[in-house]
Amino acid sequence: LRVGELSLVYLNKKAGVRGTKSLAVLI
């Protein structure tokens, strides 16, 4: 169900990027 796509948001957040920004970029 492509749930794994959201791992990008988590991993970017660990690297110092806000979750909302990562999600917008992913979209």
mmCIF file of all heavy atoms, coordinates in Angstrom:
data_MODEL
# 
_entry.id   MODEL 
# 
loop_
_atom_site.group_PDB 
_atom_site.id 
_atom_site.type_symbol 
_atom_site.label_atom_id 
_atom_site.label_alt_id 
_atom_site.label_comp_id 
_atom_site.label_asym_id 
_atom_site.label_entity_id 
_atom_site.label_seq_id 
_atom_site.pdbx_PDB_ins_code 
_atom_site.Cartn_x 
_atom_site.Cartn_y 
_atom_site.Cartn_z 
_atom_site.occupancy 
_atom_site.B_iso_or_equiv 
_atom_site.pdbx_formal_charge 
_atom_site.auth_seq_id 
_atom_site.auth_comp_id 
_atom_site.auth_asym_id 
_atom_site.auth_atom_id 
_atom_site.pdbx_PDB_model_num 
ATOM 1   N N   . LEU A 1 1  ? 0.812  -1.219 0.000  1.00 0.00 ? 1  LEU A N   1 
ATOM 2   C CA  . LEU A 1 1  ? 0.000  0.000  0.000  1.00 0.00 ? 1  LEU A CA  1 
ATOM 3   C C   . LEU A 1 1  ? 0.848  1.272  0.000  1.00 0.00 ? 1  LEU A C   1 
ATOM 4   O O   . LEU A 1 1  ? 0.374  2.342  0.362  1.00 0.00 ? 1  LEU A O   1 
ATOM 5   C CB  . LEU A 1 1  ? -0.957 0.009  1.213  1.00 0.00 ? 1  LEU A CB  1 
ATOM 6   C CG  . LEU A 1 1  ? -1.888 -1.205 1.331  1.00 0.00 ? 1  LEU A CG  1 
ATOM 7   C CD1 . LEU A 1 1  ? -2.749 -1.082 2.575  1.00 0.00 ? 1  LEU A CD1 1 
ATOM 8   C CD2 . LEU A 1 1  ? -2.740 -1.355 0.088  1.00 0.00 ? 1  LEU A CD2 1 
ATOM 9   N N   . ARG A 1 2  ? 2.109  1.158  -0.401 1.00 0.00 ? 2  ARG A N   1 
ATOM 10  C CA  . ARG A 1 2  ? 3.020  2.311  -0.521 1.00 0.00 ? 2  ARG A CA  1 
ATOM 11  C C   . ARG A 1 2  ? 3.215  3.058  0.798  1.00 0.00 ? 2  ARG A C   1 
ATOM 12  O O   . ARG A 1 2  ? 3.598  4.241  0.796  1.00 0.00 ? 2  ARG A O   1 
ATOM 13  C CB  . ARG A 1 2  ? 2.506  3.285  -1.584 1.00 0.00 ? 2  ARG A CB  1 
ATOM 14  C CG  . ARG A 1 2  ? 2.211  2.666  -2.933 1.00 0.00 ? 2  ARG A CG  1 
ATOM 15  C CD  . ARG A 1 2  ? 3.429  1.975  -3.497 1.00 0.00 ? 2  ARG A CD  1 
ATOM 16  N NE  . ARG A 1 2  ? 4.480  2.918  -3.827 1.00 0.00 ? 2  ARG A NE  1 
ATOM 17  C CZ  . ARG A 1 2  ? 5.663  2.573  -4.312 1.00 0.00 ? 2  ARG A CZ  1 
ATOM 18  N NH1 . ARG A 1 2  ? 5.962  1.293  -4.484 1.00 0.00 ? 2  ARG A NH1 1 
ATOM 19  N NH2 . ARG A 1 2  ? 6.565  3.484  -4.603 1.00 0.00 ? 2  ARG A NH2 1 
ATOM 20  N N   . VAL A 1 3  ? 2.947  2.401  1.923  1.00 0.00 ? 3  VAL A N   1 
ATOM 21  C CA  . VAL A 1 3  ? 3.152  3.035  3.224  1.00 0.00 ? 3  VAL A CA  1 
ATOM 22  C C   . VAL A 1 3  ? 4.628  3.367  3.414  1.00 0.00 ? 3  VAL A C   1 
ATOM 23  O O   . VAL A 1 3  ? 4.988  4.356  4.068  1.00 0.00 ? 3  VAL A O   1 
ATOM 24  C CB  . VAL A 1 3  ? 2.657  2.121  4.363  1.00 0.00 ? 3  VAL A CB  1 
ATOM 25  C CG1 . VAL A 1 3  ? 2.950  2.728  5.727  1.00 0.00 ? 3  VAL A CG1 1 
ATOM 26  C CG2 . VAL A 1 3  ? 1.161  1.867  4.219  1.00 0.00 ? 3  VAL A CG2 1 
ATOM 27  N N   . GLY A 1 4  ? 5.498  2.552  2.824  1.00 0.00 ? 4  GLY A N   1 
ATOM 28  C CA  . GLY A 1 4  ? 6.928  2.774  2.962  1.00 0.00 ? 4  GLY A CA  1 
ATOM 29  C C   . GLY A 1 4  ? 7.396  4.103  2.395  1.00 0.00 ? 4  GLY A C   1 
ATOM 30  O O   . GLY A 1 4  ? 8.493  4.573  2.738  1.00 0.00 ? 4  GLY A O   1 
ATOM 31  N N   . GLU A 1 5  ? 6.592  4.734  1.523  1.00 0.00 ? 5  GLU A N   1 
ATOM 32  C CA  . GLU A 1 5  ? 6.964  6.033  0.967  1.00 0.00 ? 5  GLU A CA  1 
ATOM 33  C C   . GLU A 1 5  ? 7.184  7.061  2.078  1.00 0.00 ? 5  GLU A C   1 
ATOM 34  O O   . GLU A 1 5  ? 8.039  7.942  1.974  1.00 0.00 ? 5  GLU A O   1 
ATOM 35  C CB  . GLU A 1 5  ? 5.871  6.528  0.013  1.00 0.00 ? 5  GLU A CB  1 
ATOM 36  C CG  . GLU A 1 5  ? 5.732  5.733  -1.268 1.00 0.00 ? 5  GLU A CG  1 
ATOM 37  C CD  . GLU A 1 5  ? 6.770  6.139  -2.298 1.00 0.00 ? 5  GLU A CD  1 
ATOM 38  O OE1 . GLU A 1 5  ? 7.603  7.011  -1.991 1.00 0.00 ? 5  GLU A OE1 1 
ATOM 39  O OE2 . GLU A 1 5  ? 6.751  5.578  -3.399 1.00 0.00 ? 5  GLU A OE2 1 
ATOM 40  N N   . LEU A 1 6  ? 6.390  6.942  3.140  1.00 0.00 ? 6  LEU A N   1 
ATOM 41  C CA  . LEU A 1 6  ? 6.464  7.917  4.225  1.00 0.00 ? 6  LEU A CA  1 
ATOM 42  C C   . LEU A 1 6  ? 7.756  7.813  5.022  1.00 0.00 ? 6  LEU A C   1 
ATOM 43  O O   . LEU A 1 6  ? 8.053  8.691  5.833  1.00 0.00 ? 6  LEU A O   1 
ATOM 44  C CB  . LEU A 1 6  ? 5.259  7.738  5.159  1.00 0.00 ? 6  LEU A CB  1 
ATOM 45  C CG  . LEU A 1 6  ? 3.889  7.978  4.514  1.00 0.00 ? 6  LEU A CG  1 
ATOM 46  C CD1 . LEU A 1 6  ? 2.787  7.728  5.519  1.00 0.00 ? 6  LEU A CD1 1 
ATOM 47  C CD2 . LEU A 1 6  ? 3.801  9.406  3.973  1.00 0.00 ? 6  LEU A CD2 1 
ATOM 48  N N   . SER A 1 7  ? 8.512  6.735  4.803  1.00 0.00 ? 7  SER A N   1 
ATOM 49  C CA  . SER A 1 7  ? 9.790  6.609  5.502  1.00 0.00 ? 7  SER A CA  1 
ATOM 50  C C   . SER A 1 7  ? 10.739 7.741  5.107  1.00 0.00 ? 7  SER A C   1 
ATOM 51  O O   . SER A 1 7  ? 11.626 8.110  5.877  1.00 0.00 ? 7  SER A O   1 
ATOM 52  C CB  . SER A 1 7  ? 10.434 5.253  5.205  1.00 0.00 ? 7  SER A CB  1 
ATOM 53  O OG  . SER A 1 7  ? 10.715 5.113  3.814  1.00 0.00 ? 7  SER A OG  1 
ATOM 54  N N   . LEU A 1 8  ? 10.551 8.306  3.905  1.00 0.00 ? 8  LEU A N   1 
ATOM 55  C CA  . LEU A 1 8  ? 11.376 9.433  3.471  1.00 0.00 ? 8  LEU A CA  1 
ATOM 56  C C   . LEU A 1 8  ? 11.204 10.616 4.412  1.00 0.00 ? 8  LEU A C   1 
ATOM 57  O O   . LEU A 1 8  ? 12.183 11.298 4.756  1.00 0.00 ? 8  LEU A O   1 
ATOM 58  C CB  . LEU A 1 8  ? 11.008 9.845  2.038  1.00 0.00 ? 8  LEU A CB  1 
ATOM 59  C CG  . LEU A 1 8  ? 11.795 11.038 1.486  1.00 0.00 ? 8  LEU A CG  1 
ATOM 60  C CD1 . LEU A 1 8  ? 13.212 10.604 1.130  1.00 0.00 ? 8  LEU A CD1 1 
ATOM 61  C CD2 . LEU A 1 8  ? 11.113 11.631 0.264  1.00 0.00 ? 8  LEU A CD2 1 
ATOM 62  N N   . VAL A 1 9  ? 9.964  10.845 4.841  1.00 0.00 ? 9  VAL A N   1 
ATOM 63  C CA  . VAL A 1 9  ? 9.682  11.949 5.753  1.00 0.00 ? 9  VAL A CA  1 
ATOM 64  C C   . VAL A 1 9  ? 10.414 11.737 7.074  1.00 0.00 ? 9  VAL A C   1 
ATOM 65  O O   . VAL A 1 9  ? 11.047 12.653 7.616  1.00 0.00 ? 9  VAL A O   1 
ATOM 66  C CB  . VAL A 1 9  ? 8.165  12.079 5.996  1.00 0.00 ? 9  VAL A CB  1 
ATOM 67  C CG1 . VAL A 1 9  ? 7.877  13.201 6.989  1.00 0.00 ? 9  VAL A CG1 1 
ATOM 68  C CG2 . VAL A 1 9  ? 7.434  12.332 4.680  1.00 0.00 ? 9  VAL A CG2 1 
ATOM 69  N N   . TYR A 1 10 ? 10.349 10.516 7.589  1.00 0.00 ? 10 TYR A N   1 
ATOM 70  C CA  . TYR A 1 10 ? 11.006 10.192 8.869  1.00 0.00 ? 10 TYR A CA  1 
ATOM 71  C C   . TYR A 1 10 ? 12.521 10.319 8.758  1.00 0.00 ? 10 TYR A C   1 
ATOM 72  O O   . TYR A 1 10 ? 13.174 10.928 9.617  1.00 0.00 ? 10 TYR A O   1 
ATOM 73  C CB  . TYR A 1 10 ? 10.622 8.780  9.302  1.00 0.00 ? 10 TYR A CB  1 
ATOM 74  C CG  . TYR A 1 10 ? 11.398 8.291  10.506 1.00 0.00 ? 10 TYR A CG  1 
ATOM 75  C CD1 . TYR A 1 10 ? 11.073 8.726  11.792 1.00 0.00 ? 10 TYR A CD1 1 
ATOM 76  C CD2 . TYR A 1 10 ? 12.466 7.409  10.348 1.00 0.00 ? 10 TYR A CD2 1 
ATOM 77  C CE1 . TYR A 1 10 ? 11.787 8.287  12.889 1.00 0.00 ? 10 TYR A CE1 1 
ATOM 78  C CE2 . TYR A 1 10 ? 13.186 6.965  11.447 1.00 0.00 ? 10 TYR A CE2 1 
ATOM 79  C CZ  . TYR A 1 10 ? 12.845 7.405  12.712 1.00 0.00 ? 10 TYR A CZ  1 
ATOM 80  O OH  . TYR A 1 10 ? 13.559 6.967  13.806 1.00 0.00 ? 10 TYR A OH  1 
ATOM 81  N N   . LEU A 1 11 ? 13.092 9.767  7.687  1.00 0.00 ? 11 LEU A N   1 
ATOM 82  C CA  . LEU A 1 11 ? 14.541 9.791  7.514  1.00 0.00 ? 11 LEU A CA  1 
ATOM 83  C C   . LEU A 1 11 ? 15.058 11.211 7.298  1.00 0.00 ? 11 LEU A C   1 
ATOM 84  O O   . LEU A 1 11 ? 16.119 11.585 7.818  1.00 0.00 ? 11 LEU A O   1 
ATOM 85  C CB  . LEU A 1 11 ? 14.934 8.901  6.333  1.00 0.00 ? 11 LEU A CB  1 
ATOM 86  C CG  . LEU A 1 11 ? 14.677 7.403  6.533  1.00 0.00 ? 11 LEU A CG  1 
ATOM 87  C CD1 . LEU A 1 11 ? 14.886 6.640  5.224  1.00 0.00 ? 11 LEU A CD1 1 
ATOM 88  C CD2 . LEU A 1 11 ? 15.581 6.841  7.620  1.00 0.00 ? 11 LEU A CD2 1 
ATOM 89  N N   . ASN A 1 12 ? 14.303 12.011 6.543  1.00 0.00 ? 12 ASN A N   1 
ATOM 90  C CA  . ASN A 1 12 ? 14.707 13.407 6.342  1.00 0.00 ? 12 ASN A CA  1 
ATOM 91  C C   . ASN A 1 12 ? 14.620 14.193 7.647  1.00 0.00 ? 12 ASN A C   1 
ATOM 92  O O   . ASN A 1 12 ? 15.444 15.081 7.911  1.00 0.00 ? 12 ASN A O   1 
ATOM 93  C CB  . ASN A 1 12 ? 13.829 14.077 5.285  1.00 0.00 ? 12 ASN A CB  1 
ATOM 94  C CG  . ASN A 1 12 ? 14.223 13.673 3.874  1.00 0.00 ? 12 ASN A CG  1 
ATOM 95  O OD1 . ASN A 1 12 ? 15.262 13.055 3.660  1.00 0.00 ? 12 ASN A OD1 1 
ATOM 96  N ND2 . ASN A 1 12 ? 13.397 14.004 2.910  1.00 0.00 ? 12 ASN A ND2 1 
ATOM 97  N N   . LYS A 1 13 ? 13.614 13.862 8.444  1.00 0.00 ? 13 LYS A N   1 
ATOM 98  C CA  . LYS A 1 13 ? 13.464 14.548 9.732  1.00 0.00 ? 13 LYS A CA  1 
ATOM 99  C C   . LYS A 1 13 ? 14.649 14.245 10.639 1.00 0.00 ? 13 LYS A C   1 
ATOM 100 O O   . LYS A 1 13 ? 15.128 15.115 11.366 1.00 0.00 ? 13 LYS A O   1 
ATOM 101 C CB  . LYS A 1 13 ? 12.160 14.118 10.399 1.00 0.00 ? 13 LYS A CB  1 
ATOM 102 C CG  . LYS A 1 13 ? 11.787 14.941 11.620 1.00 0.00 ? 13 LYS A CG  1 
ATOM 103 C CD  . LYS A 1 13 ? 10.413 14.569 12.146 1.00 0.00 ? 13 LYS A CD  1 
ATOM 104 C CE  . LYS A 1 13 ? 10.040 15.445 13.353 1.00 0.00 ? 13 LYS A CE  1 
ATOM 105 N NZ  . LYS A 1 13 ? 8.699  15.090 13.879 1.00 0.00 ? 13 LYS A NZ  1 
ATOM 106 N N   . LYS A 1 14 ? 15.136 13.010 10.578 1.00 0.00 ? 14 LYS A N   1 
ATOM 107 C CA  . LYS A 1 14 ? 16.309 12.637 11.364 1.00 0.00 ? 14 LYS A CA  1 
ATOM 108 C C   . LYS A 1 14 ? 17.549 13.396 10.880 1.00 0.00 ? 14 LYS A C   1 
ATOM 109 O O   . LYS A 1 14 ? 18.495 13.596 11.640 1.00 0.00 ? 14 LYS A O   1 
ATOM 110 C CB  . LYS A 1 14 ? 16.564 11.128 11.255 1.00 0.00 ? 14 LYS A CB  1 
ATOM 111 C CG  . LYS A 1 14 ? 15.452 10.254 11.813 1.00 0.00 ? 14 LYS A CG  1 
ATOM 112 C CD  . LYS A 1 14 ? 15.416 10.293 13.333 1.00 0.00 ? 14 LYS A CD  1 
ATOM 113 C CE  . LYS A 1 14 ? 16.547 9.476  13.918 1.00 0.00 ? 14 LYS A CE  1 
ATOM 114 N NZ  . LYS A 1 14 ? 16.471 9.402  15.388 1.00 0.00 ? 14 LYS A NZ  1 
ATOM 115 N N   . ALA A 1 15 ? 17.508 13.814 9.605  1.00 0.00 ? 15 ALA A N   1 
ATOM 116 C CA  . ALA A 1 15 ? 18.633 14.559 9.030  1.00 0.00 ? 15 ALA A CA  1 
ATOM 117 C C   . ALA A 1 15 ? 18.488 16.064 9.221  1.00 0.00 ? 15 ALA A C   1 
ATOM 118 O O   . ALA A 1 15 ? 19.312 16.833 8.729  1.00 0.00 ? 15 ALA A O   1 
ATOM 119 C CB  . ALA A 1 15 ? 18.772 14.236 7.544  1.00 0.00 ? 15 ALA A CB  1 
ATOM 120 N N   . GLY A 1 16 ? 17.412 16.494 9.903  1.00 0.00 ? 16 GLY A N   1 
ATOM 121 C CA  . GLY A 1 16 ? 17.252 17.907 10.216 1.00 0.00 ? 16 GLY A CA  1 
ATOM 122 C C   . GLY A 1 16 ? 16.255 18.667 9.371  1.00 0.00 ? 16 GLY A C   1 
ATOM 123 O O   . GLY A 1 16 ? 16.167 19.890 9.468  1.00 0.00 ? 16 GLY A O   1 
ATOM 124 N N   . VAL A 1 17 ? 15.479 17.969 8.521  1.00 0.00 ? 17 VAL A N   1 
ATOM 125 C CA  . VAL A 1 17 ? 14.490 18.638 7.666  1.00 0.00 ? 17 VAL A CA  1 
ATOM 126 C C   . VAL A 1 17 ? 13.095 18.432 8.266  1.00 0.00 ? 17 VAL A C   1 
ATOM 127 O O   . VAL A 1 17 ? 12.746 17.311 8.670  1.00 0.00 ? 17 VAL A O   1 
ATOM 128 C CB  . VAL A 1 17 ? 14.525 18.077 6.229  1.00 0.00 ? 17 VAL A CB  1 
ATOM 129 C CG1 . VAL A 1 17 ? 13.460 18.745 5.365  1.00 0.00 ? 17 VAL A CG1 1 
ATOM 130 C CG2 . VAL A 1 17 ? 15.910 18.293 5.626  1.00 0.00 ? 17 VAL A CG2 1 
ATOM 131 N N   . ARG A 1 18 ? 12.312 19.502 8.332  1.00 0.00 ? 18 ARG A N   1 
ATOM 132 C CA  . ARG A 1 18 ? 10.961 19.413 8.898  1.00 0.00 ? 18 ARG A CA  1 
ATOM 133 C C   . ARG A 1 18 ? 10.108 18.392 8.153  1.00 0.00 ? 18 ARG A C   1 
ATOM 134 O O   . ARG A 1 18 ? 10.182 18.276 6.941  1.00 0.00 ? 18 ARG A O   1 
ATOM 135 C CB  . ARG A 1 18 ? 10.269 20.777 8.864  1.00 0.00 ? 18 ARG A CB  1 
ATOM 136 C CG  . ARG A 1 18 ? 10.843 21.778 9.840  1.00 0.00 ? 18 ARG A CG  1 
ATOM 137 C CD  . ARG A 1 18 ? 10.034 23.055 9.903  1.00 0.00 ? 18 ARG A CD  1 
ATOM 138 N NE  . ARG A 1 18 ? 9.931  23.695 8.602  1.00 0.00 ? 18 ARG A NE  1 
ATOM 139 C CZ  . ARG A 1 18 ? 8.802  23.822 7.923  1.00 0.00 ? 18 ARG A CZ  1 
ATOM 140 N NH1 . ARG A 1 18 ? 7.683  23.300 8.389  1.00 0.00 ? 18 ARG A NH1 1 
ATOM 141 N NH2 . ARG A 1 18 ? 8.788  24.435 6.765  1.00 0.00 ? 18 ARG A NH2 1 
ATOM 142 N N   . GLY A 1 19 ? 9.256  17.703 8.910  1.00 0.00 ? 19 GLY A N   1 
ATOM 143 C CA  . GLY A 1 19 ? 8.413  16.666 8.330  1.00 0.00 ? 19 GLY A CA  1 
ATOM 144 C C   . GLY A 1 19 ? 7.448  17.197 7.292  1.00 0.00 ? 19 GLY A C   1 
ATOM 145 O O   . GLY A 1 19 ? 7.245  16.579 6.242  1.00 0.00 ? 19 GLY A O   1 
ATOM 146 N N   . THR A 1 20 ? 6.856  18.362 7.557  1.00 0.00 ? 20 THR A N   1 
ATOM 147 C CA  . THR A 1 20 ? 5.894  18.931 6.610  1.00 0.00 ? 20 THR A CA  1 
ATOM 148 C C   . THR A 1 20 ? 6.560  19.291 5.284  1.00 0.00 ? 20 THR A C   1 
ATOM 149 O O   . THR A 1 20 ? 5.978  19.112 4.217  1.00 0.00 ? 20 THR A O   1 
ATOM 150 C CB  . THR A 1 20 ? 5.226  20.184 7.205  1.00 0.00 ? 20 THR A CB  1 
ATOM 151 O OG1 . THR A 1 20 ? 6.247  21.090 7.666  1.00 0.00 ? 20 THR A OG1 1 
ATOM 152 C CG2 . THR A 1 20 ? 4.334  19.816 8.373  1.00 0.00 ? 20 THR A CG2 1 
ATOM 153 N N   . LYS A 1 21 ? 7.799  19.793 5.364  1.00 0.00 ? 21 LYS A N   1 
ATOM 154 C CA  . LYS A 1 21 ? 8.525  20.147 4.144  1.00 0.00 ? 21 LYS A CA  1 
ATOM 155 C C   . LYS A 1 21 ? 8.857  18.895 3.340  1.00 0.00 ? 21 LYS A C   1 
ATOM 156 O O   . LYS A 1 21 ? 8.714  18.874 2.116  1.00 0.00 ? 21 LYS A O   1 
ATOM 157 C CB  . LYS A 1 21 ? 9.804  20.901 4.487  1.00 0.00 ? 21 LYS A CB  1 
ATOM 158 C CG  . LYS A 1 21 ? 10.589 21.366 3.261  1.00 0.00 ? 21 LYS A CG  1 
ATOM 159 C CD  . LYS A 1 21 ? 11.776 22.229 3.640  1.00 0.00 ? 21 LYS A CD  1 
ATOM 160 C CE  . LYS A 1 21 ? 12.503 22.731 2.395  1.00 0.00 ? 21 LYS A CE  1 
ATOM 161 N NZ  . LYS A 1 21 ? 13.638 23.617 2.742  1.00 0.00 ? 21 LYS A NZ  1 
ATOM 162 N N   . SER A 1 22 ? 9.301  17.835 4.024  1.00 0.00 ? 22 SER A N   1 
ATOM 163 C CA  . SER A 1 22 ? 9.631  16.583 3.342  1.00 0.00 ? 22 SER A CA  1 
ATOM 164 C C   . SER A 1 22 ? 8.398  15.978 2.687  1.00 0.00 ? 22 SER A C   1 
ATOM 165 O O   . SER A 1 22 ? 8.468  15.458 1.573  1.00 0.00 ? 22 SER A O   1 
ATOM 166 C CB  . SER A 1 22 ? 10.230 15.583 4.339  1.00 0.00 ? 22 SER A CB  1 
ATOM 167 O OG  . SER A 1 22 ? 11.468 16.033 4.820  1.00 0.00 ? 22 SER A OG  1 
ATOM 168 N N   . LEU A 1 23 ? 7.259  16.051 3.380  1.00 0.00 ? 23 LEU A N   1 
ATOM 169 C CA  . LEU A 1 23 ? 6.023  15.503 2.823  1.00 0.00 ? 23 LEU A CA  1 
ATOM 170 C C   . LEU A 1 23 ? 5.593  16.287 1.593  1.00 0.00 ? 23 LEU A C   1 
ATOM 171 O O   . LEU A 1 23 ? 5.154  15.699 0.593  1.00 0.00 ? 23 LEU A O   1 
ATOM 172 C CB  . LEU A 1 23 ? 4.914  15.514 3.880  1.00 0.00 ? 23 LEU A CB  1 
ATOM 173 C CG  . LEU A 1 23 ? 3.592  14.859 3.473  1.00 0.00 ? 23 LEU A CG  1 
ATOM 174 C CD1 . LEU A 1 23 ? 3.824  13.397 3.085  1.00 0.00 ? 23 LEU A CD1 1 
ATOM 175 C CD2 . LEU A 1 23 ? 2.577  14.952 4.603  1.00 0.00 ? 23 LEU A CD2 1 
ATOM 176 N N   . ALA A 1 24 ? 5.725  17.612 1.649  1.00 0.00 ? 24 ALA A N   1 
ATOM 177 C CA  . ALA A 1 24 ? 5.368  18.434 0.489  1.00 0.00 ? 24 ALA A CA  1 
ATOM 178 C C   . ALA A 1 24 ? 6.261  18.102 -0.701 1.00 0.00 ? 24 ALA A C   1 
ATOM 179 O O   . ALA A 1 24 ? 5.786  17.973 -1.833 1.00 0.00 ? 24 ALA A O   1 
ATOM 180 C CB  . ALA A 1 24 ? 5.503  19.914 0.848  1.00 0.00 ? 24 ALA A CB  1 
ATOM 181 N N   . VAL A 1 25 ? 7.558  17.937 -0.450 1.00 0.00 ? 25 VAL A N   1 
ATOM 182 C CA  . VAL A 1 25 ? 8.500  17.586 -1.514 1.00 0.00 ? 25 VAL A CA  1 
ATOM 183 C C   . VAL A 1 25 ? 8.163  16.215 -2.091 1.00 0.00 ? 25 VAL A C   1 
ATOM 184 O O   . VAL A 1 25 ? 8.203  16.009 -3.310 1.00 0.00 ? 25 VAL A O   1 
ATOM 185 C CB  . VAL A 1 25 ? 9.946  17.599 -0.965 1.00 0.00 ? 25 VAL A CB  1 
ATOM 186 C CG1 . VAL A 1 25 ? 10.897 16.889 -1.917 1.00 0.00 ? 25 VAL A CG1 1 
ATOM 187 C CG2 . VAL A 1 25 ? 10.407 19.032 -0.749 1.00 0.00 ? 25 VAL A CG2 1 
ATOM 188 N N   . LEU A 1 26 ? 7.812  15.263 -1.223 1.00 0.00 ? 26 LEU A N   1 
ATOM 189 C CA  . LEU A 1 26 ? 7.443  13.930 -1.677 1.00 0.00 ? 26 LEU A CA  1 
ATOM 190 C C   . LEU A 1 26 ? 6.199  13.972 -2.557 1.00 0.00 ? 26 LEU A C   1 
ATOM 191 O O   . LEU A 1 26 ? 6.124  13.292 -3.591 1.00 0.00 ? 26 LEU A O   1 
ATOM 192 C CB  . LEU A 1 26 ? 7.200  13.020 -0.468 1.00 0.00 ? 26 LEU A CB  1 
ATOM 193 C CG  . LEU A 1 26 ? 6.799  11.572 -0.756 1.00 0.00 ? 26 LEU A CG  1 
ATOM 194 C CD1 . LEU A 1 26 ? 7.896  10.850 -1.537 1.00 0.00 ? 26 LEU A CD1 1 
ATOM 195 C CD2 . LEU A 1 26 ? 6.496  10.823 0.536  1.00 0.00 ? 26 LEU A CD2 1 
ATOM 196 N N   . ILE A 1 27 ? 5.220  14.786 -2.163 1.00 0.00 ? 27 ILE A N   1 
ATOM 197 C CA  . ILE A 1 27 ? 3.992  14.908 -2.944 1.00 0.00 ? 27 ILE A CA  1 
ATOM 198 C C   . ILE A 1 27 ? 4.290  15.489 -4.321 1.00 0.00 ? 27 ILE A C   1 
ATOM 199 O O   . ILE A 1 27 ? 3.789  14.996 -5.345 1.00 0.00 ? 27 ILE A O   1 
ATOM 200 C CB  . ILE A 1 27 ? 2.961  15.785 -2.203 1.00 0.00 ? 27 ILE A CB  1 
ATOM 201 C CG1 . ILE A 1 27 ? 2.460  15.055 -0.943 1.00 0.00 ? 27 ILE A CG1 1 
ATOM 202 C CG2 . ILE A 1 27 ? 1.781  16.127 -3.109 1.00 0.00 ? 27 ILE A CG2 1 
ATOM 203 C CD1 . ILE A 1 27 ? 1.582  15.913 -0.059 1.00 0.00 ? 27 ILE A CD1 1 
# 
